[in-house]
C-alpha atoms as a PDB file:
ATOM      1  CA  MET A   1      11.322  33.905  52.885  1.00  0.00           C
ATOM      2  CA  GLU A   2      14.836  33.240  51.601  1.00  0.00           C
ATOM      3  CA  VAL A   3      17.663  35.385  52.890  1.00  0.00           C
ATOM      4  CA  LYS A   4      20.796  35.639  50.794  1.00  0.00           C
ATOM      5  CA  ILE A   5      23.974  36.729  52.545  1.00  0.00           C
ATOM      6  CA  THR A   6      27.008  37.989  50.673  1.00  0.00           C
ATOM      7  CA  LYS A   7      30.458  38.429  52.168  1.00  0.00           C
ATOM      8  CA  GLU A   8      30.477  42.071  51.068  1.00  0.00           C
ATOM      9  CA  TYR A   9      27.294  42.845  53.010  1.00  0.00           C
ATOM     10  CA  LYS A  10      28.614  43.989  56.369  1.00  0.00           C
ATOM     11  CA  ASP A  11      26.439  46.924  57.332  1.00  0.00           C
ATOM     12  CA  ARG A  12      24.713  47.106  60.680  1.00  0.00           C
ATOM     13  CA  LEU A  13      21.163  47.743  61.812  1.00  0.00           C
ATOM     14  CA  PHE A  14      22.444  50.312  64.306  1.00  0.00           C
ATOM     15  CA  ARG A  15      23.839  52.372  61.423  1.00  0.00           C
ATOM     16  CA  LEU A  16      20.560  52.108  59.553  1.00  0.00           C
ATOM     17  CA  VAL A  17      18.530  53.236  62.555  1.00  0.00           C
ATOM     18  CA  PHE A  18      20.718  56.328  63.002  1.00  0.00           C
ATOM     19  CA  ARG A  19      21.394  57.053  59.326  1.00  0.00           C
ATOM     20  CA  GLU A  20      19.521  60.375  59.481  1.00  0.00           C
ATOM     21  CA  LYS A  21      21.431  63.296  60.979  1.00  0.00           C
ATOM     22  CA  LYS A  22      18.469  64.434  63.070  1.00  0.00           C
ATOM     23  CA  ASP A  23      18.266  61.030  64.787  1.00  0.00           C
ATOM     24  CA  LEU A  24      22.024  60.920  65.324  1.00  0.00           C
ATOM     25  CA  LEU A  25      21.912  64.432  66.774  1.00  0.00           C
ATOM     26  CA  ASP A  26      19.175  63.336  69.200  1.00  0.00           C
ATOM     27  CA  LEU A  27      21.375  60.432  70.274  1.00  0.00           C
ATOM     28  CA  TYR A  28      24.358  62.756  70.787  1.00  0.00           C
ATOM     29  CA  ASN A  29      22.252  65.170  72.845  1.00  0.00           C
ATOM     30  CA  ALA A  30      20.908  62.303  74.979  1.00  0.00           C
ATOM     31  CA  VAL A  31      24.379  60.904  75.677  1.00  0.00           C
ATOM     32  CA  ASN A  32      25.954  64.287  76.450  1.00  0.00           C
ATOM     33  CA  ASP A  33      22.965  66.128  77.943  1.00  0.00           C
ATOM     34  CA  THR A  34      23.330  68.849  75.309  1.00  0.00           C
ATOM     35  CA  HIS A  35      20.699  70.663  73.282  1.00  0.00           C
ATOM     36  CA  TYR A  36      21.951  71.020  69.722  1.00  0.00           C
ATOM     37  CA  SER A  37      19.053  71.597  67.322  1.00  0.00           C
ATOM     38  CA  ASN A  38      20.692  72.173  63.923  1.00  0.00           C
ATOM     39  CA  ALA A  39      21.480  68.809  62.303  1.00  0.00           C
ATOM     40  CA  ASP A  40      23.600  70.592  59.684  1.00  0.00           C
ATOM     41  CA  GLU A  41      26.206  71.204  62.393  1.00  0.00           C
ATOM     42  CA  LEU A  42      26.844  67.457  62.457  1.00  0.00           C
ATOM     43  CA  HIS A  43      29.354  66.159  59.894  1.00  0.00           C
ATOM     44  CA  ILE A  44      29.671  62.408  59.242  1.00  0.00           C
ATOM     45  CA  VAL A  45      33.285  61.217  59.027  1.00  0.00           C
ATOM     46  CA  THR A  46      32.818  57.445  59.277  1.00  0.00           C
ATOM     47  CA  LEU A  47      35.750  55.488  57.845  1.00  0.00           C
ATOM     48  CA  GLU A  48      34.856  52.617  55.536  1.00  0.00           C
ATOM     49  CA  ASN A  49      36.692  49.282  55.933  1.00  0.00           C
ATOM     50  CA  MET A  50      39.607  50.892  57.738  1.00  0.00           C
ATOM     51  CA  LEU A  51      42.933  49.154  58.137  1.00  0.00           C
ATOM     52  CA  TYR A  52      42.608  45.437  58.781  1.00  0.00           C
ATOM     53  CA  LEU A  53      39.430  45.557  60.857  1.00  0.00           C
ATOM     54  CA  LYS A  54      37.443  44.234  57.855  1.00  0.00           C
ATOM     55  CA  MET A  55      34.302  46.014  59.037  1.00  0.00           C
ATOM     56  CA  LYS A  56      33.026  49.541  58.893  1.00  0.00           C
ATOM     57  CA  ASN A  57      33.143  51.645  61.990  1.00  0.00           C
ATOM     58  CA  ASP A  58      29.534  52.053  63.001  1.00  0.00           C
ATOM     59  CA  ILE A  59      29.158  55.835  63.188  1.00  0.00           C
ATOM     60  CA  SER A  60      31.650  58.654  63.464  1.00  0.00           C
ATOM     61  CA  PHE A  61      30.910  62.350  63.249  1.00  0.00           C
ATOM     62  CA  LEU A  62      32.148  65.817  64.110  1.00  0.00           C
ATOM     63  CA  ILE A  63      30.047  68.339  65.954  1.00  0.00           C
ATOM     64  CA  GLY A  64      31.766  71.532  66.968  1.00  0.00           C
ATOM     65  CA  ASP A  65      35.262  70.569  68.057  1.00  0.00           C
ATOM     66  CA  ILE A  66      34.234  67.065  69.197  1.00  0.00           C
ATOM     67  CA  LEU A  67      35.151  63.971  67.179  1.00  0.00           C
ATOM     68  CA  ASN A  68      32.706  61.220  68.125  1.00  0.00           C
ATOM     69  CA  LEU A  69      33.031  57.503  67.528  1.00  0.00           C
ATOM     70  CA  TYR A  70      29.891  55.467  68.227  1.00  0.00           C
ATOM     71  CA  GLU A  71      30.132  51.683  68.047  1.00  0.00           C
ATOM     72  CA  HIS A  72      27.473  49.049  68.616  1.00  0.00           C
ATOM     73  CA  GLN A  73      28.377  45.697  70.199  1.00  0.00           C
ATOM     74  CA  SER A  74      26.246  42.646  70.906  1.00  0.00           C
ATOM     75  CA  THR A  75      29.102  40.929  72.742  1.00  0.00           C
ATOM     76  CA  VAL A  76      31.391  42.214  75.486  1.00  0.00           C
ATOM     77  CA  ASN A  77      34.672  43.064  73.784  1.00  0.00           C
ATOM     78  CA  PRO A  78      37.474  44.371  76.033  1.00  0.00           C
ATOM     79  CA  ASN A  79      39.486  45.221  72.905  1.00  0.00           C
ATOM     80  CA  MET A  80      37.173  48.029  71.833  1.00  0.00           C
ATOM     81  CA  PRO A  81      39.577  50.717  73.148  1.00  0.00           C
ATOM     82  CA  VAL A  82      42.311  49.336  70.879  1.00  0.00           C
ATOM     83  CA  ARG A  83      39.911  49.482  67.926  1.00  0.00           C
ATOM     84  CA  GLY A  84      39.086  53.048  68.897  1.00  0.00           C
ATOM     85  CA  PHE A  85      42.751  53.962  69.173  1.00  0.00           C
ATOM     86  CA  LEU A  86      43.426  52.680  65.641  1.00  0.00           C
ATOM     87  CA  TYR A  87      40.373  54.496  64.347  1.00  0.00           C
ATOM     88  CA  PHE A  88      41.325  57.833  65.910  1.00  0.00           C
ATOM     89  CA  ALA A  89      44.910  57.524  64.657  1.00  0.00           C
ATOM     90  CA  GLU A  90      43.655  56.963  61.104  1.00  0.00           C
ATOM     91  CA  THR A  91      41.150  59.814  61.367  1.00  0.00           C
ATOM     92  CA  TYR A  92      43.671  62.294  62.723  1.00  0.00           C
ATOM     93  CA  GLN A  93      46.060  61.359  59.928  1.00  0.00           C
ATOM     94  CA  LYS A  94      43.372  62.189  57.360  1.00  0.00           C
ATOM     95  CA  TYR A  95      42.541  65.378  59.266  1.00  0.00           C
ATOM     96  CA  LEU A  96      46.158  66.578  59.184  1.00  0.00           C
ATOM     97  CA  LYS A  97      46.414  65.816  55.476  1.00  0.00           C
ATOM     98  CA  LYS A  98      43.120  67.526  54.647  1.00  0.00           C
ATOM     99  CA  TYR A  99      44.106  70.784  56.335  1.00  0.00           C
ATOM    100  CA  LYS A 100      47.796  70.502  55.325  1.00  0.00           C
ATOM    101  CA  TYR A 101      49.075  70.816  58.888  1.00  0.00           C
ATOM    102  CA  ASN A 102      52.833  70.517  59.393  1.00  0.00           C
ATOM    103  CA  LEU A 103      53.723  68.077  62.167  1.00  0.00           C
ATOM    104  CA  TYR A 104      57.320  69.302  62.100  1.00  0.00           C
ATOM    105  CA  GLY A 105      56.474  72.956  62.626  1.00  0.00           C
ATOM    106  CA  SER A 106      56.747  74.958  65.839  1.00  0.00           C
ATOM    107  CA  LYS A 107      53.036  75.787  66.029  1.00  0.00           C
ATOM    108  CA  LEU A 108      50.693  73.567  68.044  1.00  0.00           C
ATOM    109  CA  ILE A 109      48.148  71.909  65.754  1.00  0.00           C
ATOM    110  CA  PRO A 110      44.510  72.101  66.961  1.00  0.00           C
ATOM    111  CA  LEU A 111      42.789  68.712  66.986  1.00  0.00           C
ATOM    112  CA  PRO A 112      39.124  67.858  67.587  1.00  0.00           C
ATOM    113  CA  ARG A 113      38.614  66.259  71.000  1.00  0.00           C
ATOM    114  CA  PRO A 114      37.851  62.536  70.781  1.00  0.00           C
ATOM    115  CA  GLN A 115      34.837  60.956  72.462  1.00  0.00           C
ATOM    116  CA  TYR A 116      34.203  57.209  72.220  1.00  0.00           C
ATOM    117  CA  VAL A 117      30.917  55.502  73.124  1.00  0.00           C
ATOM    118  CA  VAL A 118      30.098  51.801  72.804  1.00  0.00           C
ATOM    119  CA  PHE A 119      26.407  50.885  72.785  1.00  0.00           C
ATOM    120  CA  TYR A 120      26.070  47.360  74.169  1.00  0.00           C
ATOM    121  CA  ASN A 121      22.973  45.164  73.872  1.00  0.00           C
ATOM    122  CA  GLY A 122      24.331  41.648  74.337  1.00  0.00           C
ATOM    123  CA  THR A 123      22.858  38.980  76.584  1.00  0.00           C
ATOM    124  CA  GLU A 124      25.651  39.044  79.198  1.00  0.00           C
ATOM    125  CA  LYS A 125      24.754  41.047  82.294  1.00  0.00           C
ATOM    126  CA  GLN A 126      26.478  44.437  82.317  1.00  0.00           C
ATOM    127  CA  PRO A 127      25.951  47.644  84.314  1.00  0.00           C
ATOM    128  CA  ASP A 128      24.207  50.641  82.771  1.00  0.00           C
ATOM    129  CA  ARG A 129      27.545  52.413  82.368  1.00  0.00           C
ATOM    130  CA  SER A 130      31.124  51.174  82.454  1.00  0.00           C
ATOM    131  CA  GLN A 131      34.496  52.261  81.152  1.00  0.00           C
ATOM    132  CA  LEU A 132      36.840  50.250  78.951  1.00  0.00           C
ATOM    133  CA  LYS A 133      40.491  51.308  78.886  1.00  0.00           C
ATOM    134  CA  MET A 134      43.249  50.404  76.477  1.00  0.00           C
ATOM    135  CA  SER A 135      45.768  50.549  79.315  1.00  0.00           C
ATOM    136  CA  ASP A 136      44.142  47.446  80.826  1.00  0.00           C
ATOM    137  CA  ALA A 137      45.717  45.499  77.956  1.00  0.00           C
ATOM    138  CA  PHE A 138      49.256  46.489  78.934  1.00  0.00           C
ATOM    139  CA  PRO A 139      51.188  44.002  81.089  1.00  0.00           C
ATOM    140  CA  HIS A 140      51.396  44.968  84.732  1.00  0.00           C
ATOM    141  CA  SER A 141      54.756  46.454  85.618  1.00  0.00           C
ATOM    142  CA  LYS A 142      56.591  46.453  88.929  1.00  0.00           C
ATOM    143  CA  THR A 143      57.883  49.938  88.127  1.00  0.00           C
ATOM    144  CA  ALA A 144      55.912  53.124  88.712  1.00  0.00           C
ATOM    145  CA  MET A 145      56.074  53.978  85.026  1.00  0.00           C
ATOM    146  CA  GLU A 146      52.706  54.855  83.514  1.00  0.00           C
ATOM    147  CA  PRO A 147      51.941  53.913  79.892  1.00  0.00           C
ATOM    148  CA  CYS A 148      52.170  56.897  77.566  1.00  0.00           C
ATOM    149  CA  LEU A 149      49.108  55.842  75.548  1.00  0.00           C
ATOM    150  CA  GLU A 150      45.477  55.584  76.554  1.00  0.00           C
ATOM    151  CA  CYS A 151      42.089  55.295  74.880  1.00  0.00           C
ATOM    152  CA  LYS A 152      38.896  55.127  76.897  1.00  0.00           C
ATOM    153  CA  ALA A 153      35.474  53.968  75.777  1.00  0.00           C
ATOM    154  CA  LEU A 154      32.247  54.619  77.649  1.00  0.00           C
ATOM    155  CA  MET A 155      30.093  51.486  77.351  1.00  0.00           C
ATOM    156  CA  LEU A 156      26.355  52.063  77.694  1.00  0.00           C
ATOM    157  CA  ASN A 157      23.990  49.140  78.192  1.00  0.00           C
ATOM    158  CA  ILE A 158      21.057  49.737  75.831  1.00  0.00           C
ATOM    159  CA  ASN A 159      19.102  46.561  76.542  1.00  0.00           C
ATOM    160  CA  LYS A 160      15.416  46.916  77.314  1.00  0.00           C
ATOM    161  CA  GLY A 161      14.942  48.311  80.815  1.00  0.00           C
ATOM    162  CA  ARG A 162      18.497  49.656  81.151  1.00  0.00           C
ATOM    163  CA  ASN A 163      19.614  53.314  81.132  1.00  0.00           C
ATOM    164  CA  ARG A 164      16.006  54.469  81.385  1.00  0.00           C
ATOM    165  CA  GLU A 165      16.855  58.180  81.547  1.00  0.00           C
ATOM    166  CA  LEU A 166      18.938  57.918  78.384  1.00  0.00           C
ATOM    167  CA  MET A 167      16.147  56.035  76.600  1.00  0.00           C
ATOM    168  CA  GLU A 168      13.575  58.679  77.513  1.00  0.00           C
ATOM    169  CA  LYS A 169      15.839  61.351  76.053  1.00  0.00           C
ATOM    170  CA  CYS A 170      16.282  59.505  72.754  1.00  0.00           C
ATOM    171  CA  GLY A 171      13.132  57.854  71.426  1.00  0.00           C
ATOM    172  CA  ARG A 172      14.960  56.267  68.495  1.00  0.00           C
ATOM    173  CA  LEU A 173      17.370  54.482  70.816  1.00  0.00           C
ATOM    174  CA  LYS A 174      14.482  53.257  72.971  1.00  0.00           C
ATOM    175  CA  GLU A 175      12.693  51.882  69.903  1.00  0.00           C
ATOM    176  CA  TYR A 176      15.859  50.122  68.780  1.00  0.00           C
ATOM    177  CA  SER A 177      16.154  48.532  72.230  1.00  0.00           C
ATOM    178  CA  LEU A 178      12.519  47.417  72.175  1.00  0.00           C
ATOM    179  CA  PHE A 179      12.868  45.947  68.678  1.00  0.00           C
ATOM    180  CA  ILE A 180      15.922  43.865  69.605  1.00  0.00           C
ATOM    181  CA  ALA A 181      14.119  42.618  72.726  1.00  0.00           C
ATOM    182  CA  LYS A 182      11.139  41.651  70.567  1.00  0.00           C
ATOM    183  CA  VAL A 183      13.370  39.747  68.129  1.00  0.00           C
ATOM    184  CA  ARG A 184      15.004  37.824  70.981  1.00  0.00           C
ATOM    185  CA  GLU A 185      11.592  37.010  72.410  1.00  0.00           C
ATOM    186  CA  LYS A 186      10.425  35.535  69.080  1.00  0.00           C
ATOM    187  CA  LEU A 187      13.660  33.568  68.643  1.00  0.00           C
ATOM    188  CA  THR A 188      12.802  31.635  71.818  1.00  0.00           C
ATOM    189  CA  LEU A 189       9.705  30.203  70.091  1.00  0.00           C
ATOM    190  CA  ASP A 190      11.813  27.709  68.136  1.00  0.00           C
ATOM    191  CA  LEU A 191      10.703  29.147  64.798  1.00  0.00           C
ATOM    192  CA  PRO A 192      12.878  29.439  61.667  1.00  0.00           C
ATOM    193  CA  PHE A 193      15.019  32.564  61.979  1.00  0.00           C
ATOM    194  CA  THR A 194      13.372  34.588  59.220  1.00  0.00           C
ATOM    195  CA  GLU A 195       9.886  33.661  60.440  1.00  0.00           C
ATOM    196  CA  ALA A 196      10.696  34.750  64.001  1.00  0.00           C
ATOM    197  CA  VAL A 197      12.206  38.044  62.848  1.00  0.00           C
ATOM    198  CA  ASP A 198       9.302  38.718  60.466  1.00  0.00           C
ATOM    199  CA  MET A 199       6.850  38.148  63.344  1.00  0.00           C
ATOM    200  CA  ALA A 200       8.802  40.635  65.493  1.00  0.00           C
ATOM    201  CA  ILE A 201       8.789  43.154  62.643  1.00  0.00           C
ATOM    202  CA  ARG A 202       5.019  42.880  62.162  1.00  0.00           C
ATOM    203  CA  GLU A 203       4.367  43.384  65.877  1.00  0.00           C
ATOM    204  CA  CYS A 204       6.716  46.378  66.067  1.00  0.00           C
ATOM    205  CA  ILE A 205       5.050  48.014  63.070  1.00  0.00           C
ATOM    206  CA  ARG A 206       1.663  47.638  64.803  1.00  0.00           C
ATOM    207  CA  GLU A 207       3.133  49.113  67.996  1.00  0.00           C
ATOM    208  CA  ASN A 208       4.837  51.986  66.130  1.00  0.00           C
ATOM    209  CA  ILE A 209       8.361  50.802  67.012  1.00  0.00           C
ATOM    210  CA  LEU A 210      10.865  51.762  64.278  1.00  0.00           C
ATOM    211  CA  LYS A 211       7.821  51.700  62.009  1.00  0.00           C
ATOM    212  CA  ASP A 212       9.336  53.800  59.193  1.00  0.00           C
ATOM    213  CA  ILE A 213      12.494  51.697  58.975  1.00  0.00           C
ATOM    214  CA  LEU A 214      10.734  48.349  59.266  1.00  0.00           C
ATOM    215  CA  ILE A 215       8.258  49.238  56.522  1.00  0.00           C
ATOM    216  CA  ASN A 216      10.753  50.752  54.103  1.00  0.00           C
ATOM    217  CA  HIS A 217      13.722  48.461  54.791  1.00  0.00           C
ATOM    218  CA  ARG A 218      12.118  45.174  55.859  1.00  0.00           C
ATOM    219  CA  ALA A 219      14.341  42.873  53.740  1.00  0.00           C
ATOM    220  CA  GLU A 220      17.492  44.791  54.692  1.00  0.00           C
ATOM    221  CA  VAL A 221      16.678  44.515  58.390  1.00  0.00           C
ATOM    222  CA  ILE A 222      16.178  40.745  58.168  1.00  0.00           C
ATOM    223  CA  ASN A 223      19.409  40.470  56.182  1.00  0.00           C
ATOM    224  CA  MET A 224      21.349  42.515  58.731  1.00  0.00           C
ATOM    225  CA  LEU A 225      20.005  40.596  61.709  1.00  0.00           C
ATOM    226  CA  PHE A 226      20.749  37.272  60.057  1.00  0.00           C
ATOM    227  CA  THR A 227      24.351  38.358  59.465  1.00  0.00           C
ATOM    228  CA  GLU A 228      24.782  39.671  63.014  1.00  0.00           C
ATOM    229  CA  TYR A 229      23.323  36.580  64.714  1.00  0.00           C
ATOM    230  CA  ASP A 230      25.360  34.303  62.445  1.00  0.00           C
ATOM    231  CA  GLU A 231      28.533  36.159  63.459  1.00  0.00           C
ATOM    232  CA  GLN A 232      27.605  35.937  67.149  1.00  0.00           C
ATOM    233  CA  GLU A 233      27.222  32.162  66.902  1.00  0.00           C
ATOM    234  CA  HIS A 234      30.570  31.909  65.131  1.00  0.00           C
ATOM    235  CA  MET A 235      32.291  34.021  67.809  1.00  0.00           C
ATOM    236  CA  ALA A 236      30.740  31.908  70.569  1.00  0.00           C
ATOM    237  CA  SER A 237      32.005  28.765  68.826  1.00  0.00           C
ATOM    238  CA  VAL A 238      35.531  30.191  68.511  1.00  0.00           C
ATOM    239  CA  LYS A 239      35.474  31.254  72.180  1.00  0.00           C
ATOM    240  CA  GLU A 240      34.387  27.770  73.283  1.00  0.00           C
ATOM    241  CA  GLU A 241      37.065  26.155  71.128  1.00  0.00           C
ATOM    242  CA  GLY A 242      39.729  28.416  72.633  1.00  0.00           C
ATOM    243  CA  GLN A 243      38.587  27.657  76.175  1.00  0.00           C
ATOM    244  CA  ASN A 244      38.675  23.917  75.476  1.00  0.00           C
ATOM    245  CA  ARG A 245      42.232  24.304  74.205  1.00  0.00           C
ATOM    246  CA  VAL A 246      43.300  26.112  77.388  1.00  0.00           C
ATOM    247  CA  ASN A 247      41.594  23.479  79.564  1.00  0.00           C
ATOM    248  CA  GLN A 248      43.467  20.746  77.714  1.00  0.00           C
ATOM    249  CA  LEU A 249      46.725  22.626  78.236  1.00  0.00           C
ATOM    250  CA  ILE A 250      46.052  22.869  81.987  1.00  0.00           C
ATOM    251  CA  ARG A 251      45.394  19.125  82.197  1.00  0.00           C
ATOM    252  CA  LEU A 252      48.682  18.422  80.398  1.00  0.00           C
ATOM    253  CA  LEU A 253      50.631  20.722  82.728  1.00  0.00           C
ATOM    254  CA  ILE A 254      49.160  18.936  85.748  1.00  0.00           C
ATOM    255  CA  ARG A 255      49.989  15.551  84.229  1.00  0.00           C
ATOM    256  CA  GLU A 256      53.586  16.685  83.606  1.00  0.00           C
ATOM    257  CA  SER A 257      53.897  17.966  87.206  1.00  0.00           C
ATOM    258  CA  ARG A 258      54.164  21.549  85.992  1.00  0.00           C
ATOM    259  CA  SER A 259      51.245  23.013  87.921  1.00  0.00           C
ATOM    260  CA  GLY A 260      53.355  26.014  88.856  1.00  0.00           C
ATOM    261  CA  GLU A 261      53.156  27.200  85.250  1.00  0.00           C
ATOM    262  CA  ILE A 262      49.351  27.220  85.055  1.00  0.00           C
ATOM    263  CA  GLU A 263      48.826  30.825  86.176  1.00  0.00           C
ATOM    264  CA  LYS A 264      51.365  32.149  83.681  1.00  0.00           C
ATOM    265  CA  ALA A 265      49.922  29.917  80.965  1.00  0.00           C
ATOM    266  CA  VAL A 266      46.489  31.453  81.527  1.00  0.00           C
ATOM    267  CA  MET A 267      47.564  35.082  82.012  1.00  0.00           C
ATOM    268  CA  ASP A 268      50.421  35.423  79.510  1.00  0.00           C
ATOM    269  CA  PRO A 269      49.274  35.015  75.859  1.00  0.00           C
ATOM    270  CA  VAL A 270      52.854  34.781  74.557  1.00  0.00           C
ATOM    271  CA  TYR A 271      53.804  32.028  76.992  1.00  0.00           C
ATOM    272  CA  GLN A 272      50.469  30.324  76.310  1.00  0.00           C
ATOM    273  CA  ASP A 273      51.263  30.172  72.586  1.00  0.00           C
ATOM    274  CA  GLN A 274      54.692  28.709  73.363  1.00  0.00           C
ATOM    275  CA  LEU A 275      53.049  25.953  75.400  1.00  0.00           C
ATOM    276  CA  PHE A 276      50.475  25.299  72.672  1.00  0.00           C
ATOM    277  CA  GLN A 277      53.364  24.690  70.280  1.00  0.00           C
ATOM    278  CA  GLU A 278      55.234  22.575  72.812  1.00  0.00           C
ATOM    279  CA  PHE A 279      52.245  20.273  73.364  1.00  0.00           C
ATOM    280  CA  ASN A 280      51.081  20.427  69.726  1.00  0.00           C
ATOM    281  CA  LEU A 281      47.702  21.850  70.664  1.00  0.00           C
END
């Protein structure tokens, strides 16, 4: 089977799995231990290709006075809170414009409360639950001054066998987890990518795992997975290249008897770039 990838095709399997409001509502209830039953109360507000991020936000929706951002990640990305911050800023700007609120008035403007959840199913070991904070990106200060900005993301590990209680509450999420595990299992058989994925799809259909999606959107699923795995390999390559560059810089600093600069070179990105330029790396 031939898989054609276009640069414009950037959708995600996670979005496809939770494209129906009733499934997304089940996921929301499972995450928040709530019991909403009317899917019409959920309003999708996902931004398409926002700012310079080049990719769609996975899923964003309003329910009651809660603005939810749900993102899926197959790699650990400590910059997710910054992405979330940019997303919320853009969304609130559209919200203010839509309802014609006056930022310069004397009346306090009511805003929906933001909630940010990252669903992680990468291969790196991670706890069931962890918190990512934008403030971790700010340089440490010797003063007692606290940063005036913050954005927190709850990261949930949705790999097979993790967050069991959450999975039992949301069958769709559990099926998604099982499908990804099945795909990874088949990819270890040293088969061509599309053949391995097609084998996983056939088994999942027999076992009633995401059966409706895999029957009705088989080609799309293979396309999406191919794109996602291709991007993961590219990111791993870039990461390895960057690490090799830093290692080379460290060796040069040692050779030039400048070992005292190594810690700053590793911890300070600005100083690191200066040294890269200095040594033509």
